Amino acid sequence: MGWSPRARLFHWITAIAITAQWIIGLFLLGGMAMAGNAWLTAHLSLGLVLLALTPLRLVSRLFDHAPRHVRSPLAAIVAGLAHAGLYALLLLVPLTGWLGYRPAPFMPPPLAFDLLPMPVLTGLEGVSPRTMLSLHAQLTWALVALVVVHVLAVLFHAVVLRDGTLGGMLHGRNRGAADRRP
């Protein structure tokens, strides 16, 4: 048994959005977060999507349990901690970016996906935008590191263990060693 269609959809939308965020943040914005910058608007819009999607994913996990694989208790604990870290960073990275964003005075906020005014958090006098953006960058690199570990673990499952973990996320069913008949 693999992941449900809902879990797979949430996973791949998140993966695509994070990849787009890194490309925009690292290469297209280049540290130039100007109010009229279309790439900034896209980055902020995708950040809001990730911030909204992550709680939905967490609620979905209450109903869509991870497929069970035969593994050691230590491996299960490490996997659980890694996934908890991923979910925490999927909340904290966009939240710190949002807390760090301040439009220029007298400028209208950008439009999320060119449709709706992007909400700007107010009443945050004690929160330094520079500190939040610095934290945003640091947490982004932590997320990158955990995603790399996640991908390496998937490759280990696919190439070494051959337990169908990757197949479960790609097409909804495991096609691993346990499913094969001699």
N, C-alpha and C. Protein backbone atom coordinates (compact mmCIF):
# COMPACT_ATOMS: atom_id res chain seq x y z
N MET A 1 0.85 -1.18 0.00
CA MET A 1 0.00 0.00 0.00
C MET A 1 0.89 1.23 0.00
N GLY A 2 0.52 2.23 -0.79
CA GLY A 2 1.32 3.44 -0.89
C GLY A 2 0.60 4.64 -0.33
N TRP A 3 1.05 5.80 -0.73
CA TRP A 3 0.45 7.06 -0.28
C TRP A 3 -0.86 7.31 -1.01
N SER A 4 -1.77 8.01 -0.36
CA SER A 4 -3.05 8.36 -0.98
C SER A 4 -2.82 9.41 -2.07
N PRO A 5 -3.77 9.53 -3.00
CA PRO A 5 -3.65 10.59 -4.02
C PRO A 5 -3.53 11.99 -3.39
N ARG A 6 -4.25 12.24 -2.30
CA ARG A 6 -4.18 13.55 -1.64
C ARG A 6 -2.78 13.80 -1.09
N ALA A 7 -2.20 12.81 -0.43
CA ALA A 7 -0.86 12.96 0.14
C ALA A 7 0.17 13.18 -0.97
N ARG A 8 0.03 12.43 -2.06
CA ARG A 8 0.96 12.59 -3.18
C ARG A 8 0.81 13.98 -3.82
N LEU A 9 -0.42 14.45 -3.97
CA LEU A 9 -0.65 15.78 -4.54
C LEU A 9 -0.03 16.86 -3.66
N PHE A 10 -0.27 16.81 -2.36
CA PHE A 10 0.33 17.77 -1.43
C PHE A 10 1.86 17.73 -1.51
N HIS A 11 2.42 16.52 -1.54
CA HIS A 11 3.87 16.36 -1.58
C HIS A 11 4.46 17.01 -2.83
N TRP A 12 3.90 16.71 -3.99
CA TRP A 12 4.49 17.20 -5.24
C TRP A 12 4.23 18.68 -5.45
N ILE A 13 3.10 19.20 -5.01
CA ILE A 13 2.89 20.66 -5.08
C ILE A 13 3.92 21.36 -4.20
N THR A 14 4.15 20.82 -3.01
CA THR A 14 5.15 21.40 -2.11
C THR A 14 6.54 21.33 -2.73
N ALA A 15 6.89 20.19 -3.29
CA ALA A 15 8.22 20.04 -3.90
C ALA A 15 8.43 21.02 -5.04
N ILE A 16 7.42 21.19 -5.88
CA ILE A 16 7.52 22.12 -7.01
C ILE A 16 7.59 23.56 -6.50
N ALA A 17 6.77 23.90 -5.51
CA ALA A 17 6.77 25.27 -4.98
C ALA A 17 8.09 25.60 -4.31
N ILE A 18 8.65 24.66 -3.54
CA ILE A 18 9.94 24.90 -2.89
C ILE A 18 11.04 25.08 -3.93
N THR A 19 11.04 24.24 -4.94
CA THR A 19 12.05 24.36 -6.00
C THR A 19 11.95 25.72 -6.67
N ALA A 20 10.73 26.14 -6.99
CA ALA A 20 10.53 27.46 -7.60
C ALA A 20 10.99 28.57 -6.66
N GLN A 21 10.69 28.42 -5.37
CA GLN A 21 11.11 29.43 -4.39
C GLN A 21 12.63 29.57 -4.35
N TRP A 22 13.34 28.45 -4.35
CA TRP A 22 14.80 28.51 -4.31
C TRP A 22 15.35 29.18 -5.56
N ILE A 23 14.81 28.82 -6.72
CA ILE A 23 15.29 29.42 -7.96
C ILE A 23 15.04 30.92 -7.94
N ILE A 24 13.84 31.33 -7.56
CA ILE A 24 13.52 32.76 -7.52
C ILE A 24 14.37 33.45 -6.47
N GLY A 25 14.43 32.90 -5.27
CA GLY A 25 15.14 33.55 -4.18
C GLY A 25 16.63 33.65 -4.40
N LEU A 26 17.24 32.60 -4.92
CA LEU A 26 18.70 32.59 -5.08
C LEU A 26 19.18 33.26 -6.36
N PHE A 27 18.49 33.02 -7.45
CA PHE A 27 19.02 33.46 -8.73
C PHE A 27 18.31 34.66 -9.33
N LEU A 28 17.02 34.78 -9.13
CA LEU A 28 16.27 35.83 -9.81
C LEU A 28 16.13 37.09 -8.97
N LEU A 29 15.98 36.94 -7.65
CA LEU A 29 15.92 38.13 -6.80
C LEU A 29 17.32 38.65 -6.51
N GLY A 30 18.24 37.74 -6.29
CA GLY A 30 19.62 38.14 -6.05
C GLY A 30 19.77 39.15 -4.92
N GLY A 31 18.93 39.05 -3.92
CA GLY A 31 19.01 39.98 -2.80
C GLY A 31 18.36 41.33 -3.06
N MET A 32 17.78 41.51 -4.23
CA MET A 32 17.16 42.79 -4.58
C MET A 32 15.65 42.67 -4.39
N ALA A 33 15.16 42.90 -3.20
CA ALA A 33 13.74 42.74 -2.89
C ALA A 33 13.03 44.09 -3.04
N MET A 34 12.92 44.55 -4.27
CA MET A 34 12.26 45.83 -4.52
C MET A 34 10.76 45.61 -4.67
N ALA A 35 9.98 46.60 -4.26
CA ALA A 35 8.52 46.47 -4.22
C ALA A 35 7.92 46.15 -5.58
N GLY A 36 8.44 46.70 -6.65
CA GLY A 36 7.85 46.49 -7.97
C GLY A 36 8.39 45.27 -8.69
N ASN A 37 9.24 44.52 -8.05
CA ASN A 37 9.89 43.37 -8.66
C ASN A 37 8.87 42.23 -8.82
N ALA A 38 8.65 41.83 -10.07
CA ALA A 38 7.67 40.76 -10.35
C ALA A 38 8.11 39.44 -9.71
N TRP A 39 9.43 39.19 -9.64
CA TRP A 39 9.92 37.95 -9.03
C TRP A 39 9.66 37.95 -7.54
N LEU A 40 9.75 39.13 -6.92
CA LEU A 40 9.44 39.23 -5.50
C LEU A 40 7.97 38.89 -5.26
N THR A 41 7.12 39.42 -6.11
CA THR A 41 5.69 39.13 -5.98
C THR A 41 5.43 37.63 -6.13
N ALA A 42 6.08 36.99 -7.09
CA ALA A 42 5.92 35.54 -7.27
C ALA A 42 6.44 34.80 -6.05
N HIS A 43 7.58 35.23 -5.52
CA HIS A 43 8.18 34.59 -4.34
C HIS A 43 7.25 34.72 -3.14
N LEU A 44 6.71 35.90 -2.93
CA LEU A 44 5.78 36.11 -1.81
C LEU A 44 4.50 35.29 -1.99
N SER A 45 4.00 35.24 -3.21
CA SER A 45 2.77 34.48 -3.49
C SER A 45 2.97 33.00 -3.20
N LEU A 46 4.08 32.44 -3.69
CA LEU A 46 4.35 31.02 -3.44
C LEU A 46 4.60 30.76 -1.95
N GLY A 47 5.20 31.73 -1.27
CA GLY A 47 5.40 31.59 0.17
C GLY A 47 4.07 31.48 0.91
N LEU A 48 3.10 32.28 0.50
CA LEU A 48 1.77 32.20 1.11
C LEU A 48 1.12 30.85 0.82
N VAL A 49 1.32 30.33 -0.39
CA VAL A 49 0.78 29.00 -0.73
C VAL A 49 1.39 27.95 0.19
N LEU A 50 2.71 27.99 0.36
CA LEU A 50 3.37 27.01 1.24
C LEU A 50 2.92 27.15 2.68
N LEU A 51 2.74 28.39 3.12
CA LEU A 51 2.30 28.62 4.50
C LEU A 51 0.87 28.10 4.71
N ALA A 52 0.03 28.18 3.70
CA ALA A 52 -1.33 27.67 3.81
C ALA A 52 -1.38 26.15 3.60
N LEU A 53 -0.53 25.65 2.73
CA LEU A 53 -0.55 24.23 2.38
C LEU A 53 -0.03 23.34 3.50
N THR A 54 0.95 23.81 4.25
CA THR A 54 1.57 22.97 5.27
C THR A 54 0.59 22.54 6.36
N PRO A 55 -0.22 23.44 6.93
CA PRO A 55 -1.21 22.96 7.90
C PRO A 55 -2.20 21.97 7.29
N LEU A 56 -2.56 22.18 6.03
CA LEU A 56 -3.44 21.21 5.35
C LEU A 56 -2.77 19.85 5.25
N ARG A 57 -1.48 19.85 4.95
CA ARG A 57 -0.73 18.58 4.89
C ARG A 57 -0.72 17.90 6.25
N LEU A 58 -0.51 18.69 7.30
CA LEU A 58 -0.47 18.11 8.64
C LEU A 58 -1.82 17.50 9.02
N VAL A 59 -2.91 18.18 8.71
CA VAL A 59 -4.24 17.63 8.98
C VAL A 59 -4.46 16.38 8.14
N SER A 60 -4.03 16.42 6.90
CA SER A 60 -4.17 15.27 6.02
C SER A 60 -3.44 14.05 6.57
N ARG A 61 -2.28 14.28 7.22
CA ARG A 61 -1.51 13.17 7.79
C ARG A 61 -2.28 12.44 8.89
N LEU A 62 -3.26 13.11 9.50
CA LEU A 62 -4.08 12.43 10.50
C LEU A 62 -4.92 11.33 9.86
N PHE A 63 -5.25 11.51 8.59
CA PHE A 63 -6.09 10.55 7.89
C PHE A 63 -5.30 9.65 6.94
N ASP A 64 -4.20 10.17 6.39
CA ASP A 64 -3.36 9.42 5.45
C ASP A 64 -2.07 9.03 6.15
N HIS A 65 -2.07 7.89 6.77
CA HIS A 65 -0.88 7.44 7.49
C HIS A 65 0.19 7.00 6.49
N ALA A 66 1.42 7.17 6.89
CA ALA A 66 2.54 6.75 6.05
C ALA A 66 2.48 5.24 5.84
N PRO A 67 2.83 4.79 4.64
CA PRO A 67 2.89 3.35 4.41
C PRO A 67 3.90 2.71 5.36
N ARG A 68 3.60 1.54 5.82
CA ARG A 68 4.47 0.84 6.77
C ARG A 68 5.52 0.04 6.01
N HIS A 69 6.74 0.18 6.46
CA HIS A 69 7.84 -0.62 5.93
C HIS A 69 8.48 -1.31 7.11
N VAL A 70 9.05 -2.46 6.84
CA VAL A 70 9.79 -3.16 7.89
C VAL A 70 11.10 -2.40 8.07
N ARG A 71 11.28 -1.81 9.25
CA ARG A 71 12.51 -1.09 9.53
C ARG A 71 12.74 -1.08 11.03
N SER A 72 13.94 -0.75 11.40
CA SER A 72 14.30 -0.75 12.81
C SER A 72 13.61 0.39 13.53
N PRO A 73 13.43 0.25 14.84
CA PRO A 73 12.84 1.34 15.62
C PRO A 73 13.67 2.63 15.52
N LEU A 74 14.99 2.50 15.46
CA LEU A 74 15.84 3.68 15.33
C LEU A 74 15.59 4.39 14.00
N ALA A 75 15.47 3.62 12.92
CA ALA A 75 15.19 4.22 11.60
C ALA A 75 13.84 4.92 11.61
N ALA A 76 12.86 4.35 12.29
CA ALA A 76 11.54 4.98 12.37
C ALA A 76 11.62 6.30 13.14
N ILE A 77 12.41 6.32 14.21
CA ILE A 77 12.56 7.55 14.99
C ILE A 77 13.26 8.63 14.16
N VAL A 78 14.34 8.25 13.46
CA VAL A 78 15.07 9.21 12.62
C VAL A 78 14.17 9.75 11.52
N ALA A 79 13.41 8.87 10.88
CA ALA A 79 12.49 9.32 9.82
C ALA A 79 11.43 10.26 10.39
N GLY A 80 10.90 9.94 11.55
CA GLY A 80 9.90 10.79 12.17
C GLY A 80 10.45 12.16 12.52
N LEU A 81 11.67 12.20 13.06
CA LEU A 81 12.30 13.48 13.39
C LEU A 81 12.59 14.30 12.14
N ALA A 82 13.05 13.63 11.08
CA ALA A 82 13.33 14.33 9.83
C ALA A 82 12.06 14.93 9.25
N HIS A 83 10.97 14.17 9.27
CA HIS A 83 9.71 14.70 8.74
C HIS A 83 9.17 15.82 9.62
N ALA A 84 9.30 15.70 10.93
CA ALA A 84 8.88 16.79 11.83
C ALA A 84 9.68 18.05 11.54
N GLY A 85 10.98 17.89 11.30
CA GLY A 85 11.82 19.03 10.95
C GLY A 85 11.40 19.66 9.63
N LEU A 86 11.09 18.82 8.65
CA LEU A 86 10.62 19.36 7.37
C LEU A 86 9.33 20.16 7.54
N TYR A 87 8.38 19.61 8.27
CA TYR A 87 7.12 20.33 8.47
C TYR A 87 7.34 21.63 9.25
N ALA A 88 8.19 21.60 10.27
CA ALA A 88 8.46 22.82 11.04
C ALA A 88 9.08 23.89 10.15
N LEU A 89 10.04 23.49 9.32
CA LEU A 89 10.68 24.46 8.43
C LEU A 89 9.74 24.93 7.33
N LEU A 90 8.83 24.06 6.89
CA LEU A 90 7.85 24.49 5.88
C LEU A 90 6.90 25.55 6.45
N LEU A 91 6.78 25.61 7.75
CA LEU A 91 6.00 26.69 8.39
C LEU A 91 6.88 27.90 8.70
N LEU A 92 8.06 27.66 9.25
CA LEU A 92 8.92 28.75 9.72
C LEU A 92 9.55 29.56 8.59
N VAL A 93 9.95 28.92 7.51
CA VAL A 93 10.60 29.67 6.42
C VAL A 93 9.64 30.70 5.82
N PRO A 94 8.43 30.33 5.40
CA PRO A 94 7.55 31.37 4.86
C PRO A 94 7.10 32.38 5.92
N LEU A 95 6.93 31.92 7.16
CA LEU A 95 6.50 32.83 8.21
C LEU A 95 7.56 33.91 8.48
N THR A 96 8.82 33.52 8.56
CA THR A 96 9.87 34.52 8.78
C THR A 96 10.03 35.43 7.57
N GLY A 97 9.83 34.90 6.37
CA GLY A 97 9.86 35.75 5.19
C GLY A 97 8.75 36.78 5.22
N TRP A 98 7.57 36.34 5.63
CA TRP A 98 6.42 37.24 5.72
C TRP A 98 6.65 38.30 6.81
N LEU A 99 7.19 37.88 7.94
CA LEU A 99 7.48 38.83 9.03
C LEU A 99 8.57 39.83 8.63
N GLY A 100 9.45 39.43 7.72
CA GLY A 100 10.52 40.31 7.29
C GLY A 100 10.14 41.24 6.16
N TYR A 101 9.03 40.97 5.51
CA TYR A 101 8.63 41.79 4.37
C TYR A 101 7.92 43.06 4.85
N ARG A 102 8.38 44.16 4.38
CA ARG A 102 7.72 45.45 4.63
C ARG A 102 7.71 46.22 3.32
N PRO A 103 6.55 46.50 2.77
CA PRO A 103 6.54 47.29 1.53
C PRO A 103 7.02 48.71 1.83
N ALA A 104 7.53 49.36 0.81
CA ALA A 104 7.97 50.75 0.96
C ALA A 104 6.79 51.61 1.39
N PRO A 105 7.05 52.66 2.18
CA PRO A 105 5.96 53.52 2.62
C PRO A 105 5.18 54.08 1.42
N PHE A 106 3.89 54.15 1.58
CA PHE A 106 2.95 54.70 0.59
C PHE A 106 2.88 53.89 -0.69
N MET A 107 3.45 52.67 -0.68
CA MET A 107 3.32 51.81 -1.86
C MET A 107 2.23 50.79 -1.57
N PRO A 108 1.39 50.54 -2.55
CA PRO A 108 0.38 49.50 -2.32
C PRO A 108 1.06 48.14 -2.21
N PRO A 109 0.48 47.25 -1.40
CA PRO A 109 1.08 45.92 -1.31
C PRO A 109 0.98 45.21 -2.65
N PRO A 110 1.91 44.30 -2.90
CA PRO A 110 1.82 43.56 -4.17
C PRO A 110 0.58 42.69 -4.19
N LEU A 111 0.20 42.30 -5.38
CA LEU A 111 -0.97 41.43 -5.54
C LEU A 111 -0.51 39.98 -5.61
N ALA A 112 -1.05 39.17 -4.72
CA ALA A 112 -0.74 37.74 -4.73
C ALA A 112 -1.27 37.14 -6.03
N PHE A 113 -0.37 36.57 -6.80
CA PHE A 113 -0.71 36.00 -8.11
C PHE A 113 -1.45 37.00 -8.99
N ASP A 114 -1.16 38.29 -8.80
CA ASP A 114 -1.77 39.38 -9.56
C ASP A 114 -3.29 39.43 -9.40
N LEU A 115 -3.80 38.91 -8.29
CA LEU A 115 -5.25 38.89 -8.09
C LEU A 115 -5.68 39.64 -6.83
N LEU A 116 -5.10 39.29 -5.69
CA LEU A 116 -5.55 39.83 -4.40
C LEU A 116 -4.42 40.56 -3.72
N PRO A 117 -4.74 41.66 -3.01
CA PRO A 117 -3.67 42.33 -2.26
C PRO A 117 -3.06 41.38 -1.24
N MET A 118 -1.73 41.33 -1.24
CA MET A 118 -1.02 40.46 -0.32
C MET A 118 -1.12 41.02 1.09
N PRO A 119 -1.52 40.22 2.05
CA PRO A 119 -1.61 40.72 3.41
C PRO A 119 -0.23 41.12 3.94
N VAL A 120 -0.18 42.27 4.58
CA VAL A 120 1.04 42.75 5.21
C VAL A 120 0.79 42.75 6.71
N LEU A 121 1.67 42.11 7.45
CA LEU A 121 1.50 42.05 8.90
C LEU A 121 1.83 43.42 9.50
N THR A 122 0.94 43.90 10.36
CA THR A 122 1.14 45.20 11.00
C THR A 122 1.23 45.01 12.51
N GLY A 123 1.61 46.08 13.19
CA GLY A 123 1.70 46.03 14.64
C GLY A 123 2.88 45.23 15.13
N LEU A 124 3.94 45.19 14.33
CA LEU A 124 5.11 44.40 14.68
C LEU A 124 6.31 45.31 14.96
N GLU A 125 6.08 46.33 15.75
CA GLU A 125 7.14 47.31 16.01
C GLU A 125 8.38 46.67 16.63
N GLY A 126 8.21 45.66 17.45
CA GLY A 126 9.35 45.02 18.10
C GLY A 126 10.06 44.00 17.23
N VAL A 127 9.54 43.73 16.04
CA VAL A 127 10.13 42.73 15.16
C VAL A 127 10.94 43.43 14.07
N SER A 128 12.22 43.17 14.07
CA SER A 128 13.10 43.78 13.07
C SER A 128 12.98 43.03 11.74
N PRO A 129 12.61 43.74 10.65
CA PRO A 129 12.55 43.07 9.35
C PRO A 129 13.90 42.46 8.96
N ARG A 130 14.97 43.16 9.26
CA ARG A 130 16.31 42.66 8.90
C ARG A 130 16.60 41.35 9.65
N THR A 131 16.24 41.29 10.93
CA THR A 131 16.45 40.08 11.71
C THR A 131 15.61 38.93 11.15
N MET A 132 14.37 39.23 10.81
CA MET A 132 13.49 38.18 10.28
C MET A 132 14.00 37.67 8.93
N LEU A 133 14.48 38.57 8.07
CA LEU A 133 14.99 38.14 6.77
C LEU A 133 16.29 37.35 6.92
N SER A 134 17.10 37.71 7.90
CA SER A 134 18.31 36.93 8.17
C SER A 134 17.94 35.53 8.66
N LEU A 135 16.98 35.47 9.57
CA LEU A 135 16.49 34.18 10.06
C LEU A 135 15.86 33.38 8.92
N HIS A 136 15.14 34.07 8.05
CA HIS A 136 14.51 33.44 6.88
C HIS A 136 15.58 32.75 6.03
N ALA A 137 16.68 33.45 5.78
CA ALA A 137 17.76 32.89 4.96
C ALA A 137 18.40 31.69 5.66
N GLN A 138 18.64 31.78 6.95
CA GLN A 138 19.26 30.68 7.69
C GLN A 138 18.35 29.46 7.71
N LEU A 139 17.06 29.69 7.94
CA LEU A 139 16.12 28.57 7.97
C LEU A 139 15.96 27.95 6.58
N THR A 140 16.08 28.78 5.55
CA THR A 140 16.00 28.27 4.18
C THR A 140 17.13 27.27 3.94
N TRP A 141 18.34 27.60 4.40
CA TRP A 141 19.46 26.67 4.22
C TRP A 141 19.27 25.41 5.05
N ALA A 142 18.66 25.53 6.21
CA ALA A 142 18.34 24.34 7.00
C ALA A 142 17.34 23.46 6.25
N LEU A 143 16.36 24.10 5.61
CA LEU A 143 15.39 23.36 4.81
C LEU A 143 16.08 22.67 3.64
N VAL A 144 16.98 23.38 2.97
CA VAL A 144 17.73 22.78 1.86
C VAL A 144 18.46 21.53 2.35
N ALA A 145 19.13 21.64 3.50
CA ALA A 145 19.87 20.50 4.04
C ALA A 145 18.95 19.32 4.34
N LEU A 146 17.79 19.59 4.94
CA LEU A 146 16.86 18.49 5.25
C LEU A 146 16.26 17.88 3.98
N VAL A 147 16.01 18.69 2.98
CA VAL A 147 15.49 18.16 1.71
C VAL A 147 16.55 17.27 1.06
N VAL A 148 17.81 17.68 1.11
CA VAL A 148 18.88 16.84 0.56
C VAL A 148 18.93 15.51 1.30
N VAL A 149 18.85 15.54 2.62
CA VAL A 149 18.83 14.30 3.41
C VAL A 149 17.61 13.45 3.01
N HIS A 150 16.46 14.10 2.84
CA HIS A 150 15.24 13.41 2.44
C HIS A 150 15.43 12.71 1.08
N VAL A 151 15.99 13.41 0.12
CA VAL A 151 16.20 12.84 -1.21
C VAL A 151 17.21 11.69 -1.14
N LEU A 152 18.27 11.86 -0.36
CA LEU A 152 19.24 10.78 -0.20
C LEU A 152 18.60 9.55 0.45
N ALA A 153 17.72 9.77 1.42
CA ALA A 153 17.03 8.64 2.05
C ALA A 153 16.13 7.93 1.05
N VAL A 154 15.45 8.69 0.21
CA VAL A 154 14.60 8.10 -0.83
C VAL A 154 15.45 7.26 -1.79
N LEU A 155 16.59 7.80 -2.19
CA LEU A 155 17.48 7.06 -3.08
C LEU A 155 18.00 5.78 -2.40
N PHE A 156 18.31 5.86 -1.12
CA PHE A 156 18.74 4.67 -0.37
C PHE A 156 17.63 3.62 -0.38
N HIS A 157 16.40 4.05 -0.13
CA HIS A 157 15.27 3.11 -0.16
C HIS A 157 15.09 2.52 -1.55
N ALA A 158 15.27 3.34 -2.59
CA ALA A 158 15.03 2.87 -3.95
C ALA A 158 16.14 1.95 -4.46
N VAL A 159 17.39 2.31 -4.19
CA VAL A 159 18.52 1.59 -4.77
C VAL A 159 19.01 0.44 -3.88
N VAL A 160 19.11 0.68 -2.58
CA VAL A 160 19.68 -0.32 -1.68
C VAL A 160 18.60 -1.24 -1.12
N LEU A 161 17.60 -0.64 -0.48
CA LEU A 161 16.56 -1.46 0.17
C LEU A 161 15.53 -2.00 -0.82
N ARG A 162 15.29 -1.28 -1.88
CA ARG A 162 14.30 -1.67 -2.90
C ARG A 162 12.97 -2.04 -2.26
N ASP A 163 12.51 -1.16 -1.35
CA ASP A 163 11.28 -1.45 -0.61
C ASP A 163 10.04 -0.76 -1.16
N GLY A 164 10.17 -0.08 -2.29
CA GLY A 164 9.00 0.51 -2.92
C GLY A 164 8.60 1.86 -2.38
N THR A 165 9.42 2.47 -1.53
CA THR A 165 9.07 3.77 -0.97
C THR A 165 8.87 4.80 -2.06
N LEU A 166 9.78 4.86 -3.02
CA LEU A 166 9.67 5.82 -4.12
C LEU A 166 8.44 5.54 -4.97
N GLY A 167 8.18 4.28 -5.24
CA GLY A 167 6.99 3.91 -6.03
C GLY A 167 5.71 4.33 -5.36
N GLY A 168 5.69 4.26 -4.04
CA GLY A 168 4.50 4.67 -3.30
C GLY A 168 4.20 6.15 -3.46
N MET A 169 5.24 6.98 -3.59
CA MET A 169 5.01 8.41 -3.77
C MET A 169 4.82 8.76 -5.25
N LEU A 170 5.35 7.96 -6.14
CA LEU A 170 5.19 8.25 -7.57
C LEU A 170 3.84 7.79 -8.12
N HIS A 171 3.46 6.55 -7.82
CA HIS A 171 2.21 6.05 -8.40
C HIS A 171 1.25 5.47 -7.39
N GLY A 172 1.49 5.67 -6.11
CA GLY A 172 0.51 5.31 -5.10
C GLY A 172 0.58 3.90 -4.59
N ARG A 173 1.49 3.12 -5.09
CA ARG A 173 1.61 1.76 -4.56
C ARG A 173 3.08 1.40 -4.54
N ASN A 174 3.41 0.59 -3.58
CA ASN A 174 4.79 0.14 -3.44
C ASN A 174 5.04 -1.03 -4.37
N ARG A 175 6.13 -0.95 -5.07
CA ARG A 175 6.53 -2.07 -5.93
C ARG A 175 7.90 -2.54 -5.47
N GLY A 176 8.01 -2.83 -4.21
CA GLY A 176 9.30 -3.18 -3.62
C GLY A 176 9.48 -4.67 -3.46
N ALA A 177 10.50 -5.00 -2.71
CA ALA A 177 10.87 -6.40 -2.49
C ALA A 177 9.72 -7.19 -1.86
N ALA A 178 8.96 -6.54 -0.98
CA ALA A 178 7.86 -7.25 -0.30
C ALA A 178 6.75 -7.61 -1.27
N ASP A 179 6.61 -6.86 -2.38
CA ASP A 179 5.54 -7.10 -3.33
C ASP A 179 5.91 -8.13 -4.40
N ARG A 180 7.19 -8.40 -4.55
CA ARG A 180 7.62 -9.32 -5.60
C ARG A 180 7.54 -10.76 -5.14
N ARG A 181 7.12 -11.62 -6.02
CA ARG A 181 7.05 -13.06 -5.75
C ARG A 181 8.28 -13.73 -6.34
N PRO A 182 8.82 -14.75 -5.70
CA PRO A 182 10.00 -15.46 -6.24
C PRO A 182 9.68 -16.22 -7.51
